Every structure is written in structure tokens, then in C-alpha cells.
């Protein structure tokens, strides 16, 4: 009787071993496919990064090496389709010459959606990688902006969501500290202007001439901001003061995100 039970259990054990082996094989194959997918994505990311680096250089700008990430999984099915869900590009320490002054963007993050790129383009680097929509977010340092205003001792920063200014000014023989905020105006073509119209100074003499001098100073620092040309045909839509600097939001449509081959 015991022998019969033992013989009856062996086929079930053998079946379990086969099932376990099949599951392990599937896991190994899935792992290999995932590795191949990641290797292919890494190659595409390096190719796009090289093209972006070239485009930035052609615009007379400088940055640290672009960081590119191709979103969406699996990547290989996107390759076959020639369309990619998302490509994220990070540029750090971006600098460009604007009217002789260096405008710094510590960061510029670009998010490209619905990107079209043929397999041959990725393989050879020839042709265009075109994004249906591109959104960019960059940061302009307050130090660079203050340098453009060129007023000794002037500092800029964020206060209660507004661009705040502090500057020493000589008024009627007194050295006073002027403070206030600016309105930031963005034009239809992406031009950015700063308009200071509400400055005050503690201890300001209560005479019309003193107020006129403060108003004149406000007008002198109300300027159009010569932003560097943004890559990928990005047009500025909004500028918002943040603790780390002015955050610039820009967008574009149907944009080549590499240099045409």
C-alpha cells in the first residue's frame, strides 16, 4: 500500500518541476528582453544627446553634457513604430552671450512629447527627430539679472511670489536703501520686461524732489530682459519668481530636437 502511494506522488512532483522550470525560463527570457530594450534605449539616448549638444553649440551657447531619457516601455516597439511617447532632456549650467553679458540658466529641463524618429535616423544620426510638442522650464539666476541692471549694490530675489529689489541710492545727500517689487510682463513673442513702479525707502525726505528721484531710479531699472535664445524654438510664455531664480516656462510645436542631417 505504501509503495502505491509513493509511485502515485512522483508524476505530480515531476509536473511541478516542469512548471517551475518553465516559469524560470520565462523570467530569464523577460529579463533578457528588458536588458535588450534598455540597451537600445541607451543607444538612442546617447545619439540624441550628441545631436542636442551640437544644436546648443551652434546657437553660441554652452552647457554641461545633455542628459537624455527616452520614456515609455517597451522601447523597441516604439522604435518599430517610429514614434516615442516622451523624451526628456536636461541641460545644466547653460550660458549664452546676450549683448555682451553672460545670462546664466542653472537648469533647463525640456519635455518633448509624441516624438517622430525613424530607425535609420537613430542608427545613422542623419535626418530629423521631430517632437509634436515641446515644453521647457528654465531658471535665470538673480545674480545674472542683477548684473544686467548694472547698479552697484542692487540685489534681486523672491518675496511673496513677486520679484523684489533692494538697492542703495543717494537721495538729497543721504544714502538710503530703496526696496520694492516689479511687474514681469511677457510679450506675444516671448519678450520679457521688468517694470518697477512702486519703490520706497525708509527715511525718505517728505519732499516732492525725493519722491521724483526714487521714481527716476525705478524707471532706470525697468528694462527689457535680453534672454538668451532658447533651443528647440522654445517661446517664453510665463515667468515666475522662485527662491532660486526666475523660472521661465516656454513651449513650441512640431520642433526638430536635433540638427538636421
C-alpha atoms as a PDB file:
ATOM      1  CA  UNK A   1       0.000   0.000   0.000  1.00  0.00           C
ATOM      2  CA  UNK A   2       2.776   2.480   0.923  1.00  0.00           C
ATOM      3  CA  UNK A   3       4.608   1.723  -2.341  1.00  0.00           C
ATOM      4  CA  UNK A   4       1.471   2.502  -4.349  1.00  0.00           C
ATOM      5  CA  UNK A   5       1.162   5.904  -2.647  1.00  0.00           C
ATOM      6  CA  UNK A   6       4.813   6.677  -3.306  1.00  0.00           C
ATOM      7  CA  UNK A   7       4.524   5.830  -7.018  1.00  0.00           C
ATOM      8  CA  UNK A   8       1.366   7.951  -7.271  1.00  0.00           C
ATOM      9  CA  UNK A   9       3.130  11.052  -5.977  1.00  0.00           C
ATOM     10  CA  UNK A  10       6.079  11.020  -8.379  1.00  0.00           C
ATOM     11  CA  UNK A  11       4.246  12.248 -11.514  1.00  0.00           C
ATOM     12  CA  UNK A  12       2.870  15.222  -9.599  1.00  0.00           C
ATOM     13  CA  UNK A  13       6.335  16.143  -8.337  1.00  0.00           C
ATOM     14  CA  UNK A  14       7.755  15.799 -11.839  1.00  0.00           C
ATOM     15  CA  UNK A  15       4.950  18.040 -13.146  1.00  0.00           C
ATOM     16  CA  UNK A  16       5.710  20.699 -10.547  1.00  0.00           C
ATOM     17  CA  UNK A  17       9.380  20.657 -11.527  1.00  0.00           C
ATOM     18  CA  UNK A  18       8.476  21.148 -15.178  1.00  0.00           C
ATOM     19  CA  UNK A  19       6.183  24.049 -14.291  1.00  0.00           C
ATOM     20  CA  UNK A  20       8.841  25.689 -12.115  1.00  0.00           C
ATOM     21  CA  UNK A  21      11.408  25.275 -14.890  1.00  0.00           C
ATOM     22  CA  UNK A  22       9.028  26.845 -17.400  1.00  0.00           C
ATOM     23  CA  UNK A  23       8.399  29.827 -15.103  1.00  0.00           C
ATOM     24  CA  UNK A  24      12.129  30.305 -14.557  1.00  0.00           C
ATOM     25  CA  UNK A  25      12.686  30.196 -18.333  1.00  0.00           C
ATOM     26  CA  UNK A  26      10.020  32.836 -18.874  1.00  0.00           C
ATOM     27  CA  UNK A  27      11.596  35.054 -16.224  1.00  0.00           C
ATOM     28  CA  UNK A  28      15.027  34.669 -17.833  1.00  0.00           C
ATOM     29  CA  UNK A  29      13.625  35.499 -21.274  1.00  0.00           C
ATOM     30  CA  UNK A  30      11.747  38.505 -19.869  1.00  0.00           C
ATOM     31  CA  UNK A  31      14.952  39.688 -18.236  1.00  0.00           C
ATOM     32  CA  UNK A  32      16.887  39.348 -21.488  1.00  0.00           C
ATOM     33  CA  UNK A  33      14.214  41.258 -23.378  1.00  0.00           C
ATOM     34  CA  UNK A  34      14.240  44.010 -20.740  1.00  0.00           C
ATOM     35  CA  UNK A  35      18.033  44.235 -20.933  1.00  0.00           C
ATOM     36  CA  UNK A  36      17.952  44.413 -24.732  1.00  0.00           C
ATOM     37  CA  UNK A  37      15.236  47.066 -24.529  1.00  0.00           C
ATOM     38  CA  UNK A  38      17.299  49.141 -22.110  1.00  0.00           C
ATOM     39  CA  UNK A  39      20.469  48.780 -24.204  1.00  0.00           C
ATOM     40  CA  UNK A  40      18.588  50.004 -27.296  1.00  0.00           C
ATOM     41  CA  UNK A  41      17.104  52.916 -25.345  1.00  0.00           C
ATOM     42  CA  UNK A  42      20.540  53.877 -24.011  1.00  0.00           C
ATOM     43  CA  UNK A  43      21.933  53.939 -27.543  1.00  0.00           C
ATOM     44  CA  UNK A  44      19.094  56.214 -28.683  1.00  0.00           C
ATOM     45  CA  UNK A  45      19.621  58.484 -25.664  1.00  0.00           C
ATOM     46  CA  UNK A  46      23.329  58.866 -26.468  1.00  0.00           C
ATOM     47  CA  UNK A  47      22.563  59.615 -30.118  1.00  0.00           C
ATOM     48  CA  UNK A  48      20.004  62.288 -29.244  1.00  0.00           C
ATOM     49  CA  UNK A  49      22.312  63.771 -26.588  1.00  0.00           C
ATOM     50  CA  UNK A  50      25.063  64.193 -29.203  1.00  0.00           C
ATOM     51  CA  UNK A  51      22.648  65.951 -31.551  1.00  0.00           C
ATOM     52  CA  UNK A  52      21.363  68.239 -28.795  1.00  0.00           C
ATOM     53  CA  UNK A  53      24.927  69.138 -27.803  1.00  0.00           C
ATOM     54  CA  UNK A  54      25.613  70.120 -31.404  1.00  0.00           C
ATOM     55  CA  UNK A  55      22.476  72.261 -31.619  1.00  0.00           C
ATOM     56  CA  UNK A  56      23.299  74.108 -28.390  1.00  0.00           C
ATOM     57  CA  UNK A  57      26.828  74.815 -29.658  1.00  0.00           C
ATOM     58  CA  UNK A  58      25.502  76.102 -32.999  1.00  0.00           C
ATOM     59  CA  UNK A  59      23.427  78.675 -31.088  1.00  0.00           C
ATOM     60  CA  UNK A  60      26.578  80.037 -29.463  1.00  0.00           C
ATOM     61  CA  UNK A  61      25.618  78.648 -26.067  1.00  0.00           C
ATOM     62  CA  UNK A  62      27.374  76.370 -23.618  1.00  0.00           C
ATOM     63  CA  UNK A  63      26.121  73.769 -21.166  1.00  0.00           C
ATOM     64  CA  UNK A  64      27.164  70.651 -19.357  1.00  0.00           C
ATOM     65  CA  UNK A  65      26.608  67.443 -21.394  1.00  0.00           C
ATOM     66  CA  UNK A  66      22.860  66.964 -22.063  1.00  0.00           C
ATOM     67  CA  UNK A  67      21.104  64.264 -20.063  1.00  0.00           C
ATOM     68  CA  UNK A  68      18.532  62.457 -22.216  1.00  0.00           C
ATOM     69  CA  UNK A  69      15.910  59.943 -21.120  1.00  0.00           C
ATOM     70  CA  UNK A  70      13.550  58.187 -23.514  1.00  0.00           C
ATOM     71  CA  UNK A  71      10.265  57.435 -21.777  1.00  0.00           C
ATOM     72  CA  UNK A  72       7.760  54.698 -22.438  1.00  0.00           C
ATOM     73  CA  UNK A  73       8.140  50.922 -22.282  1.00  0.00           C
ATOM     74  CA  UNK A  74       8.873  48.834 -24.149  1.00  0.00           C
ATOM     75  CA  UNK A  75      11.270  50.974 -26.152  1.00  0.00           C
ATOM     76  CA  UNK A  76      11.710  48.547 -29.039  1.00  0.00           C
ATOM     77  CA  UNK A  77       8.041  48.682 -30.030  1.00  0.00           C
ATOM     78  CA  UNK A  78       8.366  52.468 -30.195  1.00  0.00           C
ATOM     79  CA  UNK A  79      11.392  52.039 -32.479  1.00  0.00           C
ATOM     80  CA  UNK A  80       9.396  49.895 -34.871  1.00  0.00           C
ATOM     81  CA  UNK A  81       6.560  52.417 -34.854  1.00  0.00           C
ATOM     82  CA  UNK A  82       8.938  55.374 -35.287  1.00  0.00           C
ATOM     83  CA  UNK A  83       7.080  57.322 -32.597  1.00  0.00           C
ATOM     84  CA  UNK A  84       8.081  57.844 -28.976  1.00  0.00           C
ATOM     85  CA  UNK A  85       5.865  58.863 -26.073  1.00  0.00           C
ATOM     86  CA  UNK A  86       8.293  61.215 -24.375  1.00  0.00           C
ATOM     87  CA  UNK A  87      11.911  62.336 -24.493  1.00  0.00           C
ATOM     88  CA  UNK A  88      13.224  64.324 -21.528  1.00  0.00           C
ATOM     89  CA  UNK A  89      16.323  66.485 -21.916  1.00  0.00           C
ATOM     90  CA  UNK A  90      18.148  68.161 -19.037  1.00  0.00           C
ATOM     91  CA  UNK A  91      20.680  70.913 -19.674  1.00  0.00           C
ATOM     92  CA  UNK A  92      22.718  72.219 -16.753  1.00  0.00           C
ATOM     93  CA  UNK A  93      24.811  75.385 -16.399  1.00  0.00           C
ATOM     94  CA  UNK A  94      23.508  76.901 -19.627  1.00  0.00           C
ATOM     95  CA  UNK A  95      25.230  80.139 -20.588  1.00  0.00           C
ATOM     96  CA  UNK A  96      24.928  82.316 -23.651  1.00  0.00           C
ATOM     97  CA  UNK A  97      26.170  85.740 -24.622  1.00  0.00           C
ATOM     98  CA  UNK A  98      23.476  88.420 -24.720  1.00  0.00           C
ATOM     99  CA  UNK A  99      24.610  91.924 -25.700  1.00  0.00           C
ATOM    100  CA  UNK A 100      28.000  91.197 -24.181  1.00  0.00           C
ATOM    101  CA  UNK A 101      26.619  89.968 -20.855  1.00  0.00           C
ATOM    102  CA  UNK A 102      26.505  86.354 -19.714  1.00  0.00           C
ATOM    103  CA  UNK A 103      22.996  85.202 -18.834  1.00  0.00           C
ATOM    104  CA  UNK A 104      23.077  82.045 -16.721  1.00  0.00           C
ATOM    105  CA  UNK A 105      20.448  79.347 -16.615  1.00  0.00           C
ATOM    106  CA  UNK A 106      21.496  76.876 -13.925  1.00  0.00           C
ATOM    107  CA  UNK A 107      18.970  74.436 -15.350  1.00  0.00           C
ATOM    108  CA  UNK A 108      16.843  73.947 -18.449  1.00  0.00           C
ATOM    109  CA  UNK A 109      14.507  70.943 -18.475  1.00  0.00           C
ATOM    110  CA  UNK A 110      12.857  70.069 -21.781  1.00  0.00           C
ATOM    111  CA  UNK A 111       9.991  67.610 -22.171  1.00  0.00           C
ATOM    112  CA  UNK A 112       9.258  66.518 -25.757  1.00  0.00           C
ATOM    113  CA  UNK A 113       6.054  64.569 -26.438  1.00  0.00           C
ATOM    114  CA  UNK A 114       4.951  62.397 -29.369  1.00  0.00           C
ATOM    115  CA  UNK A 115       8.385  62.339 -30.959  1.00  0.00           C
ATOM    116  CA  UNK A 116       8.808  61.029 -34.506  1.00  0.00           C
ATOM    117  CA  UNK A 117      12.132  59.426 -35.431  1.00  0.00           C
ATOM    118  CA  UNK A 118      12.833  56.663 -37.899  1.00  0.00           C
ATOM    119  CA  UNK A 119      15.049  53.709 -37.048  1.00  0.00           C
ATOM    120  CA  UNK A 120      17.512  54.838 -39.706  1.00  0.00           C
ATOM    121  CA  UNK A 121      17.750  58.281 -38.106  1.00  0.00           C
ATOM    122  CA  UNK A 122      18.658  56.781 -34.748  1.00  0.00           C
ATOM    123  CA  UNK A 123      21.095  54.346 -36.357  1.00  0.00           C
ATOM    124  CA  UNK A 124      22.965  56.835 -38.563  1.00  0.00           C
ATOM    125  CA  UNK A 125      22.308  60.156 -36.844  1.00  0.00           C
ATOM    126  CA  UNK A 126      21.066  61.532 -40.184  1.00  0.00           C
ATOM    127  CA  UNK A 127      17.607  63.060 -40.526  1.00  0.00           C
ATOM    128  CA  UNK A 128      15.322  64.758 -38.051  1.00  0.00           C
ATOM    129  CA  UNK A 129      13.860  63.830 -34.701  1.00  0.00           C
ATOM    130  CA  UNK A 130      10.634  65.869 -34.563  1.00  0.00           C
ATOM    131  CA  UNK A 131       8.508  66.462 -31.465  1.00  0.00           C
ATOM    132  CA  UNK A 132       4.828  67.312 -31.725  1.00  0.00           C
ATOM    133  CA  UNK A 133       5.016  69.415 -28.555  1.00  0.00           C
ATOM    134  CA  UNK A 134       7.962  70.664 -26.515  1.00  0.00           C
ATOM    135  CA  UNK A 135       7.730  72.250 -23.085  1.00  0.00           C
ATOM    136  CA  UNK A 136      10.726  73.797 -21.370  1.00  0.00           C
ATOM    137  CA  UNK A 137      11.334  75.072 -17.858  1.00  0.00           C
ATOM    138  CA  UNK A 138      14.463  77.054 -17.113  1.00  0.00           C
ATOM    139  CA  UNK A 139      15.832  79.139 -14.290  1.00  0.00           C
ATOM    140  CA  UNK A 140      17.560  82.507 -14.626  1.00  0.00           C
ATOM    141  CA  UNK A 141      19.761  83.333 -11.668  1.00  0.00           C
ATOM    142  CA  UNK A 142      19.079  86.568  -9.839  1.00  0.00           C
ATOM    143  CA  UNK A 143      22.815  87.306  -9.919  1.00  0.00           C
ATOM    144  CA  UNK A 144      22.846  87.343 -13.729  1.00  0.00           C
ATOM    145  CA  UNK A 145      19.742  89.515 -13.838  1.00  0.00           C
ATOM    146  CA  UNK A 146      21.195  91.988 -11.340  1.00  0.00           C
ATOM    147  CA  UNK A 147      24.372  92.177 -13.426  1.00  0.00           C
ATOM    148  CA  UNK A 148      22.299  93.198 -16.453  1.00  0.00           C
ATOM    149  CA  UNK A 149      20.714  96.044 -14.462  1.00  0.00           C
ATOM    150  CA  UNK A 150      24.249  97.200 -13.581  1.00  0.00           C
ATOM    151  CA  UNK A 151      23.537  99.058 -10.347  1.00  0.00           C
ATOM    152  CA  UNK A 152      26.101  98.865  -7.567  1.00  0.00           C
ATOM    153  CA  UNK A 153      24.770  97.014  -4.536  1.00  0.00           C
ATOM    154  CA  UNK A 154      21.476  96.072  -6.182  1.00  0.00           C
ATOM    155  CA  UNK A 155      20.109  92.656  -5.270  1.00  0.00           C
ATOM    156  CA  UNK A 156      17.080  90.760  -6.556  1.00  0.00           C
ATOM    157  CA  UNK A 157      15.088  87.944  -5.033  1.00  0.00           C
ATOM    158  CA  UNK A 158      11.644  86.477  -4.481  1.00  0.00           C
ATOM    159  CA  UNK A 159       9.242  87.817  -1.872  1.00  0.00           C
ATOM    160  CA  UNK A 160       5.647  86.616  -1.571  1.00  0.00           C
ATOM    161  CA  UNK A 161       5.695  85.363  -5.149  1.00  0.00           C
ATOM    162  CA  UNK A 162       6.973  88.652  -6.575  1.00  0.00           C
ATOM    163  CA  UNK A 163      10.314  89.872  -7.874  1.00  0.00           C
ATOM    164  CA  UNK A 164      11.764  92.049  -5.109  1.00  0.00           C
ATOM    165  CA  UNK A 165      14.599  94.561  -5.382  1.00  0.00           C
ATOM    166  CA  UNK A 166      16.860  96.149  -2.779  1.00  0.00           C
ATOM    167  CA  UNK A 167      19.391  98.819  -3.698  1.00  0.00           C
ATOM    168  CA  UNK A 168      21.345 101.649  -2.081  1.00  0.00           C
ATOM    169  CA  UNK A 169      20.512 105.043  -3.628  1.00  0.00           C
ATOM    170  CA  UNK A 170      21.853 108.543  -2.928  1.00  0.00           C
ATOM    171  CA  UNK A 171      18.894 110.889  -2.427  1.00  0.00           C
ATOM    172  CA  UNK A 172      19.389 114.532  -1.463  1.00  0.00           C
ATOM    173  CA  UNK A 173      22.742 113.796   0.115  1.00  0.00           C
ATOM    174  CA  UNK A 174      21.521 110.727   2.020  1.00  0.00           C
ATOM    175  CA  UNK A 175      22.403 107.088   1.376  1.00  0.00           C
ATOM    176  CA  UNK A 176      19.055 105.299   1.564  1.00  0.00           C
ATOM    177  CA  UNK A 177      18.029 101.703   0.914  1.00  0.00           C
ATOM    178  CA  UNK A 178      15.303 101.501  -1.699  1.00  0.00           C
ATOM    179  CA  UNK A 179      13.041  98.432  -1.753  1.00  0.00           C
ATOM    180  CA  UNK A 180      10.060  97.339  -3.809  1.00  0.00           C
ATOM    181  CA  UNK A 181       8.726  94.851  -6.323  1.00  0.00           C
ATOM    182  CA  UNK A 182       8.430  94.566 -10.085  1.00  0.00           C
ATOM    183  CA  UNK A 183       5.744  93.517 -12.519  1.00  0.00           C
ATOM    184  CA  UNK A 184       7.011  90.933 -15.019  1.00  0.00           C
ATOM    185  CA  UNK A 185       5.486  91.313 -18.478  1.00  0.00           C
ATOM    186  CA  UNK A 186       5.773  88.628 -21.168  1.00  0.00           C
ATOM    187  CA  UNK A 187       5.107  89.731 -24.743  1.00  0.00           C
ATOM    188  CA  UNK A 188       3.482  87.717 -27.515  1.00  0.00           C
ATOM    189  CA  UNK A 189       6.863  86.791 -28.986  1.00  0.00           C
ATOM    190  CA  UNK A 190       8.299  85.799 -25.623  1.00  0.00           C
ATOM    191  CA  UNK A 191       9.973  89.096 -24.736  1.00  0.00           C
ATOM    192  CA  UNK A 192      10.311  89.656 -21.008  1.00  0.00           C
ATOM    193  CA  UNK A 193      10.204  93.088 -19.387  1.00  0.00           C
ATOM    194  CA  UNK A 194      10.611  94.208 -15.777  1.00  0.00           C
ATOM    195  CA  UNK A 195       8.588  97.213 -14.624  1.00  0.00           C
ATOM    196  CA  UNK A 196       9.396  98.692 -11.204  1.00  0.00           C
ATOM    197  CA  UNK A 197       6.804 101.297 -10.278  1.00  0.00           C
ATOM    198  CA  UNK A 198       6.317 101.069  -6.514  1.00  0.00           C
ATOM    199  CA  UNK A 199       9.625 101.669  -4.741  1.00  0.00           C
ATOM    200  CA  UNK A 200      10.070 103.177  -1.305  1.00  0.00           C
ATOM    201  CA  UNK A 201      12.881 103.981   1.094  1.00  0.00           C
ATOM    202  CA  UNK A 202      12.811 104.188   4.861  1.00  0.00           C
ATOM    203  CA  UNK A 203      13.706 107.706   5.963  1.00  0.00           C
ATOM    204  CA  UNK A 204      12.863 109.218   2.587  1.00  0.00           C
ATOM    205  CA  UNK A 205      12.530 113.031   2.966  1.00  0.00           C
ATOM    206  CA  UNK A 206       8.908 114.127   2.641  1.00  0.00           C
ATOM    207  CA  UNK A 207       9.507 116.443  -0.275  1.00  0.00           C
ATOM    208  CA  UNK A 208       8.421 116.063  -3.963  1.00  0.00           C
ATOM    209  CA  UNK A 209      12.013 116.025  -5.246  1.00  0.00           C
ATOM    210  CA  UNK A 210      12.887 112.968  -3.134  1.00  0.00           C
ATOM    211  CA  UNK A 211       9.909 111.054  -4.491  1.00  0.00           C
ATOM    212  CA  UNK A 212      10.839 112.098  -8.038  1.00  0.00           C
ATOM    213  CA  UNK A 213      14.371 110.739  -7.564  1.00  0.00           C
ATOM    214  CA  UNK A 214      13.009 107.395  -6.354  1.00  0.00           C
ATOM    215  CA  UNK A 215      10.642 107.227  -9.328  1.00  0.00           C
ATOM    216  CA  UNK A 216      13.506 108.022 -11.700  1.00  0.00           C
ATOM    217  CA  UNK A 217      15.536 105.186 -10.203  1.00  0.00           C
ATOM    218  CA  UNK A 218      12.575 102.824 -10.646  1.00  0.00           C
ATOM    219  CA  UNK A 219      12.355 103.759 -14.335  1.00  0.00           C
ATOM    220  CA  UNK A 220      16.098 103.299 -14.801  1.00  0.00           C
ATOM    221  CA  UNK A 221      15.936  99.651 -13.691  1.00  0.00           C
ATOM    222  CA  UNK A 222      12.709  98.902 -15.575  1.00  0.00           C
ATOM    223  CA  UNK A 223      14.156  97.146 -18.593  1.00  0.00           C
ATOM    224  CA  UNK A 224      13.530  94.591 -21.306  1.00  0.00           C
ATOM    225  CA  UNK A 225      15.362  91.422 -20.322  1.00  0.00           C
ATOM    226  CA  UNK A 226      17.581  90.178 -23.173  1.00  0.00           C
ATOM    227  CA  UNK A 227      17.069  86.454 -22.685  1.00  0.00           C
ATOM    228  CA  UNK A 228      19.372  84.036 -24.486  1.00  0.00           C
ATOM    229  CA  UNK A 229      17.917  82.253 -27.479  1.00  0.00           C
ATOM    230  CA  UNK A 230      16.318  79.101 -26.166  1.00  0.00           C
ATOM    231  CA  UNK A 231      16.935  75.815 -28.008  1.00  0.00           C
ATOM    232  CA  UNK A 232      14.217  73.830 -29.783  1.00  0.00           C
ATOM    233  CA  UNK A 233      12.427  77.010 -30.956  1.00  0.00           C
ATOM    234  CA  UNK A 234      11.012  77.483 -27.471  1.00  0.00           C
ATOM    235  CA  UNK A 235       8.992  80.664 -26.893  1.00  0.00           C
ATOM    236  CA  UNK A 236       8.614  82.033 -23.369  1.00  0.00           C
ATOM    237  CA  UNK A 237       5.026  82.013 -22.092  1.00  0.00           C
ATOM    238  CA  UNK A 238       5.386  82.714 -18.376  1.00  0.00           C
ATOM    239  CA  UNK A 239       7.983  83.945 -15.896  1.00  0.00           C
ATOM    240  CA  UNK A 240       7.527  83.290 -12.192  1.00  0.00           C
ATOM    241  CA  UNK A 241       9.832  84.398  -9.343  1.00  0.00           C
ATOM    242  CA  UNK A 242      11.040  81.486  -7.215  1.00  0.00           C
ATOM    243  CA  UNK A 243      13.558  81.406  -4.345  1.00  0.00           C
ATOM    244  CA  UNK A 244      16.291  80.035  -6.649  1.00  0.00           C
ATOM    245  CA  UNK A 245      15.670  82.476  -9.509  1.00  0.00           C
ATOM    246  CA  UNK A 246      13.195  83.441 -12.202  1.00  0.00           C
ATOM    247  CA  UNK A 247      11.500  80.298 -13.501  1.00  0.00           C
ATOM    248  CA  UNK A 248      10.837  80.590 -17.230  1.00  0.00           C
ATOM    249  CA  UNK A 249       8.187  78.404 -18.886  1.00  0.00           C
ATOM    250  CA  UNK A 250       8.316  78.040 -22.662  1.00  0.00           C
ATOM    251  CA  UNK A 251       6.758  75.858 -25.346  1.00  0.00           C
ATOM    252  CA  UNK A 252       6.795  75.042 -29.057  1.00  0.00           C
ATOM    253  CA  UNK A 253       5.131  72.705 -31.539  1.00  0.00           C
ATOM    254  CA  UNK A 254       6.411  70.487 -34.369  1.00  0.00           C
ATOM    255  CA  UNK A 255      10.032  71.022 -33.415  1.00  0.00           C
ATOM    256  CA  UNK A 256      13.199  69.262 -34.646  1.00  0.00           C
ATOM    257  CA  UNK A 257      15.015  68.433 -31.411  1.00  0.00           C
ATOM    258  CA  UNK A 258      18.216  67.576 -33.235  1.00  0.00           C
ATOM    259  CA  UNK A 259      20.211  69.167 -36.009  1.00  0.00           C
ATOM    260  CA  UNK A 260      19.019  68.064 -39.408  1.00  0.00           C
ATOM    261  CA  UNK A 261      21.411  65.670 -41.068  1.00  0.00           C
END
